[in-house]
Structures are given as structure tokens and as C-alpha cells.
Amino acid sequence: MKTDKFKVREQNVSLVLQEIIKSNGISRIQLAKITALNKTSITSITSDLLDRKIVLEKGTGEGGMSGGRKPIMIHFNEKAGICLLLNIDAGYLACTASYLDRQIIFQKQQTDVNITKDNVLEMITDKIEQMIAHLPSTELGVIGLTIAIHGSVNHNKITFTPRSNIDQIDLYHILQKKYDFAIHIENEANLSAIGEYAFASPSNYLINLSVRNGVRAGIIQNGKIEKGRNGNAGEVGHTIIKAQGLRCICGNSGCLEQYTSLNAIYRRFSELKNMNFVNMVIIREYFRSGDPETIAFIAETVDMLNNCINTLVMMFDPEIITLNGDLFKELPEISEMITAQVKSAFAKDMVIRNSCFHEQATILGAIALNVQQYFDIPNLKYNRDYDSCLI
């Protein structure tokens, strides 16, 4: 089979750039050793990246054993381009513009908004134009817009949104015709998993359990997001935990989401305490005051989530499970409660921890997805020092 030399060149550029992004500054000699490319190829590729301002020369490394000139270090230019994110849920619309790292340029959100197939295009176009109006000039400009959906997505097509009807409009093709940058539509939990994976974990086997208005798992297997045949992989909120239980919008009865999503937790707690208004701060205060009913309530919720986590462990054998959402943000001790209940021999080397980023994980996932797609990097990792949270 004849090899396309231009395709090989592109693959080599992606390989070199991947190692530069992963490093905290790297020399040409180190790049040659890690990538197994010869020095001539490394020199040519890095010169091209420098000319395009995608990488920068900054600082020097350690000299060799015999002394001599110290190598110049090459760094990823995280200010070379801009990423855009839209986060859409029932009653919620947020937009974020950032550089190729975590630095935010512009951010705005709306709550208590009624988003439907009839107004969603107008609303998100307005947000996109607001972001564009606040953008500085960069070498690459906008490298991509990622739209986070709290529902199922298959190849940029929204296939199921349980709390709105925006799955009835083809946002991807409409927006791709309107704008000259790439459009990516992805599930929110998947983006959170990508954010944790790219910015906070060396592991290639990670699951992010997102408990928000729905319950979903973003699953990364060998560095790649697991989507399934129709983009429904990870819809653990629609696994049945109670026979003849509460009716779910998916068509089943007794789904996990009807008992452990944030709205379900608020509903159950308001019924328990006969309260008209509940949020996680209120539940947290009752729990930490030692209220017996609340302690039992949280224990029951943990039991239900733990059944889900045990199933994920047996199906996907992850190294790390991250817990994301206000439930875990306000009551971080829940991760320890869950860990104590996961007693399977198959999970003895697995880590369960709270998200390092919580709601910011979606933003980081969007940044990583945009960078990965724009530069064609198959396994993107940002350089980070992994502390006790970043395992």
C-alpha cells in the first residue's frame, strides 16, 4: 500500500504538538527521543509551528553531561487561538470564550429561560455574537465552538433532550453554514469527562458521573470517549432501580434519575421536611447539623448511586471515577461514603474522588475537544502537576 507522504507529515506534526502541549517546555532533542522522529524532521516541524505562532521558544533547559550550550525550550502558545462554549439545558443558557488554556475571556449566563426549538437558534446566535464582540485578535482566531447538551448526541446531532424539544432542530448544520469555524455538539457529561481526563488525570480509563438535572456517566476507555452506537452510552440515569417506580420521561418507570437527579433530590427532601423551597445548601446544613432524617436521606441516596457505580465498575473497569454536580460540591464527604460501600474485589485499585473542577469541567472539556479536533491530536493531555486531587 502506498503511503501518502503529506498525510504522514500531518501525523508527525500532530504527534510533536501533542508532546509539546503535554510538557511544561520541551527541547528539540527531547522531542526527537520521545517521538522517534529524526532531528531533521523535528527541526522542520518546530520551525513551521514557530512561524505560525502555535508554539513559542522560551527559556533554556539543562545542559548535557559535558556542558555545552543549553537547549532552547519550546512551549505551546496557549494564547494563539480562542475556544467558544455554549451550555444549554432546560431553563439555562451559558456562554464562555477562552484561550486555549483555562483563561476566560468572556462569560455570561441566563437562568429561568424557556428554551425551545422555536427560539433556541435566535438565543444561541445572540450569545455567539456577544462572545465574538469581546474577542481579542489572535493568530488562529476562533478554532471552534462546542455546544454542551444535557441529553443524547450522536455525531453532532441532538437525538434526545428530556426537558426540551431542541432535539427537533438541526443546530449543527444551521450553525456550520453560518460560521466559518468548526462546530462541535457533545453531551455535557462527556465534556466533563474529557475535561477531567485532559486537565486532571494521567489515567486513560476514567468515568465522570454527572448528577445534575439528569444523571449521566461520561466514559473514557483507553483515552477515547465511549459513545455507543447511537450516542446513548452512559445514560445511567435511565437504568431501572425500582420496579413499578415513578414514571420517567424516557418511557420506563423507576429510573435512577427519578430519585437521584438534583431535581429529584430536592423533591424528595421537600416532601420529607414539608418545605416549599430546597437547595443543596439547605440540605447540607441539615446534614451537618446531625439531623437524623437528613442523614438517613443522604444514606439512601448514596445507596442508589452506589448501585449505579458498582455497575459501571463491572462494565468498564475504570481506574478513576470522578463525581460531579452540586450534590458532591456541597457534600464532598459523599465520595468517602461511596468509596466505603464499593467493596468489590474488582474495584480494589480504583479511585473515587470529587471532581477537581465541578461546573468548570464542562468548559475545560470544550477547550480540550476544540484543540484536539483543530490540531488533529488523538490523545490530548495538558501539562499539569497532579496533586492529591489530580490523580
Protein backbone atom coordinates (compact mmCIF):
# COMPACT_ATOMS: atom_id res chain seq x y z
CA MET A 1 0.00 0.00 0.00
CA LYS A 2 1.37 3.39 -0.99
CA THR A 3 1.77 5.86 1.88
CA ASP A 4 0.70 9.47 1.38
CA LYS A 5 3.76 11.49 2.43
CA PHE A 6 1.63 14.54 3.14
CA LYS A 7 -0.60 12.52 5.46
CA VAL A 8 2.48 11.19 7.25
CA ARG A 9 3.72 14.77 7.63
CA GLU A 10 0.39 15.81 9.20
CA GLN A 11 0.51 12.87 11.59
CA ASN A 12 4.04 13.77 12.63
CA VAL A 13 3.07 17.40 13.26
CA SER A 14 0.17 16.25 15.47
CA LEU A 15 2.49 13.88 17.34
CA VAL A 16 5.05 16.62 18.01
CA LEU A 17 2.41 19.15 19.04
CA GLN A 18 0.80 16.61 21.37
CA GLU A 19 4.11 16.19 23.22
CA ILE A 20 4.68 19.96 23.39
CA ILE A 21 1.23 20.54 24.92
CA LYS A 22 1.78 17.71 27.38
CA SER A 23 5.11 19.12 28.53
CA ASN A 24 5.99 22.17 30.57
CA GLY A 25 8.52 23.17 27.95
CA ILE A 26 10.48 20.63 25.91
CA SER A 27 13.67 20.72 23.82
CA ARG A 28 14.06 19.52 20.24
CA ILE A 29 16.35 16.73 21.44
CA GLN A 30 13.69 15.52 23.88
CA LEU A 31 11.05 15.66 21.14
CA ALA A 32 13.21 13.51 18.87
CA LYS A 33 13.67 10.90 21.62
CA ILE A 34 10.00 10.75 22.61
CA THR A 35 8.53 10.74 19.10
CA ALA A 36 11.29 8.64 17.46
CA LEU A 37 11.45 11.19 14.63
CA ASN A 38 14.84 12.25 13.30
CA LYS A 39 16.35 15.63 14.13
CA THR A 40 15.75 16.98 10.62
CA SER A 41 12.01 16.26 10.87
CA ILE A 42 11.81 17.78 14.35
CA THR A 43 13.62 20.93 13.20
CA SER A 44 11.33 21.29 10.18
CA ILE A 45 8.12 20.73 12.16
CA THR A 46 9.03 23.03 15.05
CA SER A 47 10.15 25.76 12.62
CA ASP A 48 6.77 25.60 10.91
CA LEU A 49 4.92 25.72 14.24
CA LEU A 50 7.05 28.68 15.35
CA ASP A 51 6.35 30.55 12.11
CA ARG A 52 2.62 30.05 12.67
CA LYS A 53 2.95 31.21 16.31
CA ILE A 54 1.40 27.94 17.53
CA VAL A 55 4.46 27.33 19.70
CA LEU A 56 6.95 29.68 21.33
CA GLU A 57 10.61 29.47 22.30
CA LYS A 58 11.02 30.39 25.94
CA GLY A 59 13.77 29.64 28.44
CA THR A 60 16.52 27.05 28.36
CA GLY A 61 16.82 23.51 29.64
CA GLU A 62 19.61 21.64 31.36
CA GLY A 63 22.89 21.25 29.50
CA GLY A 64 24.43 17.86 28.74
CA MET A 65 26.89 15.97 30.94
CA SER A 66 29.81 17.53 29.07
CA GLY A 67 28.43 21.04 29.37
CA GLY A 68 27.87 22.94 26.15
CA ARG A 69 25.01 25.18 25.11
CA LYS A 70 21.73 24.71 26.95
CA PRO A 71 18.80 23.74 24.70
CA ILE A 72 16.06 26.27 23.99
CA MET A 73 12.70 25.08 25.31
CA ILE A 74 9.57 25.01 23.17
CA HIS A 75 6.15 25.77 24.70
CA PHE A 76 2.60 25.58 23.39
CA ASN A 77 1.26 29.08 22.71
CA GLU A 78 -1.96 28.90 24.70
CA LYS A 79 -2.90 32.41 23.55
CA ALA A 80 -2.69 31.50 19.85
CA GLY A 81 -6.41 30.90 19.46
CA ILE A 82 -9.82 31.05 21.12
CA CYS A 83 -12.43 28.44 22.05
CA LEU A 84 -16.16 29.11 22.40
CA LEU A 85 -18.63 27.13 24.53
CA LEU A 86 -22.41 27.16 24.83
CA ASN A 87 -24.00 25.15 27.66
CA ILE A 88 -27.72 24.51 27.08
CA ASP A 89 -30.18 22.94 29.50
CA ALA A 90 -33.84 23.41 30.34
CA GLY A 91 -34.10 26.94 31.73
CA TYR A 92 -30.37 27.57 31.42
CA LEU A 93 -28.06 29.02 28.78
CA ALA A 94 -24.41 29.94 29.38
CA CYS A 95 -21.63 31.06 27.06
CA THR A 96 -17.87 31.13 27.60
CA ALA A 97 -14.99 32.32 25.45
CA SER A 98 -11.49 31.31 26.49
CA TYR A 99 -7.95 30.98 25.24
CA LEU A 100 -6.56 27.51 24.55
CA ASP A 101 -5.79 27.11 28.24
CA ARG A 102 -8.16 27.83 31.14
CA GLN A 103 -8.08 31.63 30.93
CA ILE A 104 -11.59 33.02 30.44
CA ILE A 105 -12.07 35.99 28.09
CA PHE A 106 -15.84 36.40 28.32
CA GLN A 107 -18.58 34.60 30.24
CA LYS A 108 -22.31 35.10 30.65
CA GLN A 109 -25.29 33.01 31.69
CA GLN A 110 -29.07 33.17 31.75
CA THR A 111 -31.32 31.24 34.09
CA ASP A 112 -35.08 30.79 34.13
CA VAL A 113 -35.23 30.99 30.34
CA ASN A 114 -37.65 28.93 28.28
CA ILE A 115 -35.57 27.34 25.51
CA THR A 116 -37.49 25.65 22.70
CA LYS A 117 -36.86 24.57 19.12
CA ASP A 118 -38.55 27.80 18.03
CA ASN A 119 -36.25 30.22 19.88
CA VAL A 120 -33.03 28.27 20.52
CA LEU A 121 -31.32 29.37 17.30
CA GLU A 122 -32.01 33.06 17.97
CA MET A 123 -30.87 32.76 21.58
CA ILE A 124 -27.60 30.97 20.90
CA THR A 125 -26.79 33.16 17.89
CA ASP A 126 -27.16 36.18 20.16
CA LYS A 127 -24.75 34.60 22.66
CA ILE A 128 -22.24 33.74 19.92
CA GLU A 129 -22.30 37.30 18.62
CA GLN A 130 -21.82 38.64 22.17
CA MET A 131 -18.75 36.44 22.59
CA ILE A 132 -17.30 37.40 19.20
CA ALA A 133 -17.72 41.10 20.03
CA HIS A 134 -15.48 40.68 23.10
CA LEU A 135 -12.69 38.66 21.47
CA PRO A 136 -9.12 39.93 21.16
CA SER A 137 -7.11 39.38 18.00
CA THR A 138 -5.13 36.11 17.95
CA GLU A 139 -3.05 34.23 15.40
CA LEU A 140 -5.62 31.50 14.80
CA GLY A 141 -8.83 33.29 15.74
CA VAL A 142 -11.72 31.08 16.88
CA ILE A 143 -10.71 27.44 16.44
CA GLY A 144 -14.12 26.02 17.31
CA LEU A 145 -17.45 26.30 19.08
CA THR A 146 -18.58 23.44 21.31
CA ILE A 147 -22.21 23.16 22.40
CA ALA A 148 -22.85 21.17 25.59
CA ILE A 149 -26.22 19.41 25.60
CA HIS A 150 -27.88 17.80 28.64
CA GLY A 151 -29.17 14.90 26.58
CA SER A 152 -28.06 12.41 23.92
CA VAL A 153 -25.91 13.43 20.96
CA ASN A 154 -24.83 11.26 18.04
CA HIS A 155 -22.27 12.63 15.55
CA ASN A 156 -23.22 16.27 16.28
CA LYS A 157 -26.94 15.50 16.05
CA ILE A 158 -29.06 16.04 19.17
CA THR A 159 -31.17 12.89 19.46
CA PHE A 160 -32.84 13.20 22.88
CA THR A 161 -33.35 16.14 25.24
CA PRO A 162 -35.62 15.06 28.11
CA ARG A 163 -36.56 18.55 29.29
CA SER A 164 -36.86 20.45 26.00
CA ASN A 165 -37.67 19.88 22.32
CA ILE A 166 -34.45 21.26 20.81
CA ASP A 167 -33.72 17.76 19.52
CA GLN A 168 -36.21 18.63 16.77
CA ILE A 169 -33.87 21.16 15.14
CA ASP A 170 -30.60 20.50 13.28
CA LEU A 171 -28.40 23.01 15.10
CA TYR A 172 -25.14 21.64 13.75
CA HIS A 173 -25.77 22.17 10.04
CA ILE A 174 -27.51 25.52 10.56
CA LEU A 175 -24.62 26.91 12.61
CA GLN A 176 -21.91 25.36 10.42
CA LYS A 177 -23.35 27.17 7.40
CA LYS A 178 -23.46 30.46 9.32
CA TYR A 179 -19.95 30.47 10.86
CA ASP A 180 -16.52 29.74 9.40
CA PHE A 181 -15.18 27.93 12.49
CA ALA A 182 -15.82 24.31 13.43
CA ILE A 183 -18.98 23.40 15.35
CA HIS A 184 -19.00 20.51 17.82
CA ILE A 185 -22.09 19.32 19.70
CA GLU A 186 -21.49 16.99 22.63
CA ASN A 187 -23.17 15.68 25.76
CA GLU A 188 -22.36 17.66 28.91
CA ALA A 189 -21.21 14.63 30.93
CA ASN A 190 -18.90 13.57 28.10
CA LEU A 191 -17.35 17.04 28.03
CA SER A 192 -16.88 16.95 31.81
CA ALA A 193 -15.13 13.59 31.45
CA ILE A 194 -12.88 14.99 28.70
CA GLY A 195 -12.07 17.99 30.92
CA GLU A 196 -11.10 15.76 33.86
CA TYR A 197 -9.11 13.49 31.54
CA ALA A 198 -7.19 16.21 29.69
CA PHE A 199 -6.50 18.55 32.61
CA ALA A 200 -6.55 16.47 35.80
CA SER A 201 -5.66 12.82 35.33
CA PRO A 202 -2.88 10.72 33.81
CA SER A 203 -5.28 7.76 33.62
CA ASN A 204 -6.61 6.53 30.28
CA TYR A 205 -9.60 4.80 31.92
CA LEU A 206 -11.87 7.31 33.62
CA ILE A 207 -15.59 7.75 34.28
CA ASN A 208 -17.21 11.05 35.21
CA LEU A 209 -20.57 10.64 36.98
CA SER A 210 -22.54 13.84 36.49
CA VAL A 211 -25.54 14.39 38.79
CA ARG A 212 -27.42 17.48 37.66
CA ASN A 213 -30.96 17.75 36.27
CA GLY A 214 -30.17 14.30 34.90
CA VAL A 215 -27.74 11.54 35.86
CA ARG A 216 -25.18 10.55 33.26
CA ALA A 217 -21.73 8.99 33.01
CA GLY A 218 -19.04 10.23 30.65
CA ILE A 219 -16.91 7.17 29.94
CA ILE A 220 -13.31 7.29 28.69
CA GLN A 221 -11.78 4.00 27.60
CA ASN A 222 -8.14 3.93 26.53
CA GLY A 223 -8.16 7.70 26.08
CA LYS A 224 -11.31 7.84 23.94
CA ILE A 225 -14.86 8.79 24.87
CA GLU A 226 -17.27 5.85 24.71
CA LYS A 227 -20.47 6.88 22.92
CA GLY A 228 -22.10 3.65 21.82
CA ARG A 229 -23.99 3.01 18.59
CA ASN A 230 -26.38 5.98 18.86
CA GLY A 231 -24.61 8.21 21.37
CA ASN A 232 -26.56 6.82 24.34
CA ALA A 233 -23.68 5.13 26.18
CA GLY A 234 -23.52 6.47 29.73
CA GLU A 235 -27.24 7.22 30.13
CA VAL A 236 -27.15 5.54 33.54
CA GLY A 237 -29.91 7.80 34.84
CA HIS A 238 -32.31 5.65 32.85
CA THR A 239 -31.36 2.35 34.44
CA ILE A 240 -34.25 0.95 36.47
CA ILE A 241 -33.71 0.74 40.24
CA LYS A 242 -37.32 0.41 41.44
CA ALA A 243 -39.83 -1.97 39.87
CA GLN A 244 -43.12 -0.16 39.20
CA GLY A 245 -41.48 3.06 40.37
CA LEU A 246 -42.00 6.64 39.27
CA ARG A 247 -42.73 7.19 35.59
CA CYS A 248 -39.75 8.60 33.66
CA ILE A 249 -39.81 10.79 30.57
CA CYS A 250 -37.75 8.14 28.74
CA GLY A 251 -40.78 5.82 28.82
CA ASN A 252 -39.65 3.49 31.62
CA SER A 253 -40.67 3.51 35.27
CA GLY A 254 -38.40 3.50 38.31
CA CYS A 255 -35.34 5.09 36.63
CA LEU A 256 -32.39 6.16 38.79
CA GLU A 257 -32.83 9.74 37.57
CA GLN A 258 -36.28 9.93 39.16
CA TYR A 259 -34.68 9.53 42.60
CA THR A 260 -31.12 10.87 42.45
CA SER A 261 -31.05 13.74 39.94
CA LEU A 262 -30.77 17.15 41.57
CA ASN A 263 -34.43 17.97 40.97
CA ALA A 264 -35.47 14.56 42.32
CA ILE A 265 -33.33 15.07 45.44
CA TYR A 266 -34.99 18.45 46.02
CA ARG A 267 -38.45 16.95 45.52
CA ARG A 268 -37.80 14.06 47.90
CA PHE A 269 -36.30 16.32 50.57
CA SER A 270 -39.13 18.86 50.34
CA GLU A 271 -41.60 16.01 50.86
CA LEU A 272 -39.56 14.71 53.80
CA LYS A 273 -39.39 18.09 55.52
CA ASN A 274 -42.64 19.59 54.18
CA MET A 275 -40.72 22.54 52.72
CA ASN A 276 -41.66 24.75 49.77
CA PHE A 277 -38.08 25.57 48.76
CA VAL A 278 -35.00 23.35 48.87
CA ASN A 279 -31.46 23.63 47.54
CA MET A 280 -28.19 21.84 48.28
CA VAL A 281 -27.07 24.47 50.79
CA ILE A 282 -30.19 23.79 52.89
CA ILE A 283 -29.68 20.02 52.68
CA ARG A 284 -26.01 20.44 53.58
CA GLU A 285 -26.84 22.45 56.70
CA TYR A 286 -29.39 19.89 57.88
CA PHE A 287 -26.91 17.07 57.25
CA ARG A 288 -24.00 18.70 59.05
CA SER A 289 -26.18 19.66 62.00
CA GLY A 290 -26.66 15.93 62.59
CA ASP A 291 -30.37 15.83 61.71
CA PRO A 292 -31.27 12.09 61.77
CA GLU A 293 -33.81 12.31 58.94
CA THR A 294 -31.34 14.07 56.65
CA ILE A 295 -28.54 11.64 57.48
CA ALA A 296 -30.86 8.75 56.57
CA PHE A 297 -31.97 10.61 53.43
CA ILE A 298 -28.39 11.08 52.21
CA ALA A 299 -27.54 7.46 53.07
CA GLU A 300 -30.47 6.27 50.95
CA THR A 301 -29.36 8.50 48.05
CA VAL A 302 -25.79 7.20 48.34
CA ASP A 303 -27.09 3.61 48.27
CA MET A 304 -28.90 4.25 44.98
CA LEU A 305 -25.90 5.98 43.41
CA ASN A 306 -23.61 3.25 44.69
CA ASN A 307 -25.61 0.61 42.81
CA CYS A 308 -25.02 2.61 39.65
CA ILE A 309 -21.29 2.98 40.38
CA ASN A 310 -20.88 -0.74 41.05
CA THR A 311 -22.46 -1.46 37.67
CA LEU A 312 -20.09 0.99 35.96
CA VAL A 313 -17.12 -0.65 37.68
CA MET A 314 -18.09 -4.10 36.45
CA MET A 315 -18.86 -2.94 32.90
CA PHE A 316 -15.90 -0.63 32.23
CA ASP A 317 -13.18 -1.39 34.81
CA PRO A 318 -12.10 2.26 35.28
CA GLU A 319 -9.05 3.47 37.18
CA ILE A 320 -10.83 6.62 38.35
CA ILE A 321 -14.44 7.68 38.87
CA THR A 322 -14.99 11.41 39.34
CA LEU A 323 -18.19 12.74 40.93
CA ASN A 324 -19.56 15.98 39.52
CA GLY A 325 -22.51 18.16 40.49
CA ASP A 326 -23.82 20.30 43.35
CA LEU A 327 -24.56 17.21 45.47
CA PHE A 328 -20.85 16.38 45.64
CA LYS A 329 -19.71 20.00 45.67
CA GLU A 330 -21.76 20.86 48.78
CA LEU A 331 -21.27 17.47 50.46
CA PRO A 332 -17.78 16.32 49.39
CA GLU A 333 -17.83 13.65 52.11
CA ILE A 334 -20.26 11.68 49.94
CA SER A 335 -17.30 10.43 47.88
CA GLU A 336 -15.92 8.80 51.04
CA MET A 337 -19.33 7.28 51.81
CA ILE A 338 -19.50 5.81 48.30
CA THR A 339 -15.91 4.55 48.46
CA ALA A 340 -16.66 2.78 51.75
CA GLN A 341 -19.53 0.90 50.10
CA VAL A 342 -17.66 -0.17 46.97
CA LYS A 343 -16.21 -3.39 48.35
CA SER A 344 -15.88 -5.45 45.19
CA ALA A 345 -12.52 -7.15 44.65
CA PHE A 346 -12.66 -5.76 41.12
CA ALA A 347 -12.52 -2.18 42.45
CA LYS A 348 -9.67 -2.51 44.95
CA ASP A 349 -7.24 -0.37 42.92
CA MET A 350 -9.85 2.12 41.73
CA VAL A 351 -10.08 5.73 42.95
CA ILE A 352 -13.38 7.52 43.57
CA ARG A 353 -12.99 11.26 44.05
CA ASN A 354 -14.87 14.51 43.70
CA SER A 355 -14.38 16.48 40.52
CA CYS A 356 -11.43 18.85 40.55
CA PHE A 357 -13.44 21.40 38.58
CA HIS A 358 -17.20 20.75 39.06
CA GLU A 359 -19.12 23.06 36.67
CA GLN A 360 -15.82 24.23 35.13
CA ALA A 361 -15.13 20.68 33.90
CA THR A 362 -17.55 21.22 31.00
CA ILE A 363 -15.64 24.34 29.93
CA LEU A 364 -12.32 22.51 30.10
CA GLY A 365 -13.76 19.61 28.13
CA ALA A 366 -14.91 22.02 25.43
CA ILE A 367 -11.43 23.58 25.26
CA ALA A 368 -9.80 20.17 25.01
CA LEU A 369 -12.26 18.99 22.34
CA ASN A 370 -11.72 22.12 20.23
CA VAL A 371 -7.93 21.85 20.48
CA GLN A 372 -8.00 18.11 19.79
CA GLN A 373 -10.15 18.48 16.69
CA TYR A 374 -8.42 21.58 15.31
CA PHE A 375 -4.91 20.13 15.56
CA ASP A 376 -5.96 16.51 14.95
CA ILE A 377 -4.44 15.29 18.22
CA PRO A 378 -5.87 11.85 19.07
CA ASN A 379 -4.90 11.77 22.76
CA LEU A 380 -4.71 15.27 24.19
CA LYS A 381 -3.24 15.87 27.64
CA TYR A 382 -2.36 19.24 29.10
CA ASN A 383 0.68 19.51 31.32
CA ARG A 384 -0.39 19.66 34.95
CA ASP A 385 1.23 18.80 38.27
CA TYR A 386 -1.04 16.12 39.74
CA ASP A 387 -1.70 16.84 43.41
CA SER A 388 -3.92 14.90 45.81
CA CYS A 389 -6.99 15.82 43.76
CA LEU A 390 -5.40 15.31 40.37
CA ILE A 391 -4.90 11.56 40.39
